[in-house]
């Protein structure tokens, strides 16, 4: 079940400042940009001319995949 389904169809977006406190993602903006370009991190969504965020469900899926890969 995706985050979308858990929250009744509402998609939640997280800004950069929320990545560490809410999801434990400690990466810098530059490192996230590198990972995105390499296809190793969820792509950001442009919400406005100067605003980007990441979908929470995609971050959860990415985190789960990283945890499962270490086993």
C-alpha atoms as a PDB file:
ATOM      1  CA  UNK A   1       0.000   0.000   0.000  1.00  0.00           C
ATOM      2  CA  UNK A   2       1.430   3.373  -0.968  1.00  0.00           C
ATOM      3  CA  UNK A   3       1.373   6.530   1.124  1.00  0.00           C
ATOM      4  CA  UNK A   4      -1.253   7.873  -1.285  1.00  0.00           C
ATOM      5  CA  UNK A   5      -3.609   5.022  -0.491  1.00  0.00           C
ATOM      6  CA  UNK A   6      -2.959   5.347   3.259  1.00  0.00           C
ATOM      7  CA  UNK A   7      -3.923   9.005   3.231  1.00  0.00           C
ATOM      8  CA  UNK A   8      -7.074   8.627   1.106  1.00  0.00           C
ATOM      9  CA  UNK A   9      -5.595   9.925  -2.131  1.00  0.00           C
ATOM     10  CA  UNK A  10      -3.883  13.006  -0.726  1.00  0.00           C
ATOM     11  CA  UNK A  11      -0.292  13.365  -1.899  1.00  0.00           C
ATOM     12  CA  UNK A  12       2.024  14.854   0.700  1.00  0.00           C
ATOM     13  CA  UNK A  13       5.108  16.780  -0.354  1.00  0.00           C
ATOM     14  CA  UNK A  14       8.183  17.359   1.798  1.00  0.00           C
ATOM     15  CA  UNK A  15      10.501  20.325   1.349  1.00  0.00           C
ATOM     16  CA  UNK A  16      14.271  20.001   1.789  1.00  0.00           C
ATOM     17  CA  UNK A  17      14.186  21.243   5.403  1.00  0.00           C
ATOM     18  CA  UNK A  18      11.758  18.428   6.292  1.00  0.00           C
ATOM     19  CA  UNK A  19      13.834  15.561   4.880  1.00  0.00           C
ATOM     20  CA  UNK A  20      16.087  15.174   7.936  1.00  0.00           C
ATOM     21  CA  UNK A  21      13.617  15.653  10.804  1.00  0.00           C
ATOM     22  CA  UNK A  22      10.735  13.698   9.240  1.00  0.00           C
ATOM     23  CA  UNK A  23      12.512  11.003   7.211  1.00  0.00           C
ATOM     24  CA  UNK A  24      16.038  10.904   8.609  1.00  0.00           C
ATOM     25  CA  UNK A  25      17.615  11.797   5.253  1.00  0.00           C
ATOM     26  CA  UNK A  26      20.842  13.644   6.144  1.00  0.00           C
ATOM     27  CA  UNK A  27      22.082  14.487   2.635  1.00  0.00           C
ATOM     28  CA  UNK A  28      23.082  17.953   1.461  1.00  0.00           C
ATOM     29  CA  UNK A  29      21.247  19.631  -1.399  1.00  0.00           C
ATOM     30  CA  UNK A  30      24.236  19.035  -3.678  1.00  0.00           C
ATOM     31  CA  UNK A  31      24.392  15.333  -2.828  1.00  0.00           C
ATOM     32  CA  UNK A  32      20.648  14.908  -3.387  1.00  0.00           C
ATOM     33  CA  UNK A  33      21.044  16.594  -6.779  1.00  0.00           C
ATOM     34  CA  UNK A  34      23.824  14.134  -7.697  1.00  0.00           C
ATOM     35  CA  UNK A  35      21.761  11.154  -6.565  1.00  0.00           C
ATOM     36  CA  UNK A  36      18.717  12.353  -8.533  1.00  0.00           C
ATOM     37  CA  UNK A  37      20.770  12.788 -11.701  1.00  0.00           C
ATOM     38  CA  UNK A  38      22.153   9.268 -11.259  1.00  0.00           C
ATOM     39  CA  UNK A  39      18.624   7.876 -10.772  1.00  0.00           C
ATOM     40  CA  UNK A  40      19.381   6.828  -7.199  1.00  0.00           C
ATOM     41  CA  UNK A  41      16.991   9.182  -5.357  1.00  0.00           C
ATOM     42  CA  UNK A  42      13.359  10.178  -6.060  1.00  0.00           C
ATOM     43  CA  UNK A  43      13.017  13.097  -8.457  1.00  0.00           C
ATOM     44  CA  UNK A  44      11.918  16.418  -7.016  1.00  0.00           C
ATOM     45  CA  UNK A  45       8.615  18.008  -8.006  1.00  0.00           C
ATOM     46  CA  UNK A  46       8.542  21.680  -8.918  1.00  0.00           C
ATOM     47  CA  UNK A  47       5.681  23.256  -6.945  1.00  0.00           C
ATOM     48  CA  UNK A  48       6.367  26.821  -8.015  1.00  0.00           C
ATOM     49  CA  UNK A  49       9.026  28.945  -9.709  1.00  0.00           C
ATOM     50  CA  UNK A  50      11.338  28.744  -6.683  1.00  0.00           C
ATOM     51  CA  UNK A  51       9.861  25.816  -4.773  1.00  0.00           C
ATOM     52  CA  UNK A  52      10.681  22.125  -5.013  1.00  0.00           C
ATOM     53  CA  UNK A  53       9.648  19.186  -2.864  1.00  0.00           C
ATOM     54  CA  UNK A  54       9.640  15.405  -2.885  1.00  0.00           C
ATOM     55  CA  UNK A  55       6.641  13.111  -2.706  1.00  0.00           C
ATOM     56  CA  UNK A  56       6.530  11.452   0.700  1.00  0.00           C
ATOM     57  CA  UNK A  57       5.364   8.111  -0.727  1.00  0.00           C
ATOM     58  CA  UNK A  58       8.321   8.005  -3.121  1.00  0.00           C
ATOM     59  CA  UNK A  59      10.723   8.802  -0.265  1.00  0.00           C
ATOM     60  CA  UNK A  60       9.178   6.001   1.814  1.00  0.00           C
ATOM     61  CA  UNK A  61       9.537   3.543  -1.086  1.00  0.00           C
ATOM     62  CA  UNK A  62      13.164   4.627  -1.648  1.00  0.00           C
ATOM     63  CA  UNK A  63      13.966   4.235   2.045  1.00  0.00           C
ATOM     64  CA  UNK A  64      12.350   0.777   2.194  1.00  0.00           C
ATOM     65  CA  UNK A  65      14.278  -0.345  -0.894  1.00  0.00           C
ATOM     66  CA  UNK A  66      17.559   0.815   0.679  1.00  0.00           C
ATOM     67  CA  UNK A  67      16.758  -1.087   3.883  1.00  0.00           C
ATOM     68  CA  UNK A  68      15.801  -4.250   1.989  1.00  0.00           C
ATOM     69  CA  UNK A  69      18.958  -4.089  -0.170  1.00  0.00           C
ATOM     70  CA  UNK A  70      21.264  -4.438   2.809  1.00  0.00           C
ATOM     71  CA  UNK A  71      19.908  -7.869   3.782  1.00  0.00           C
END
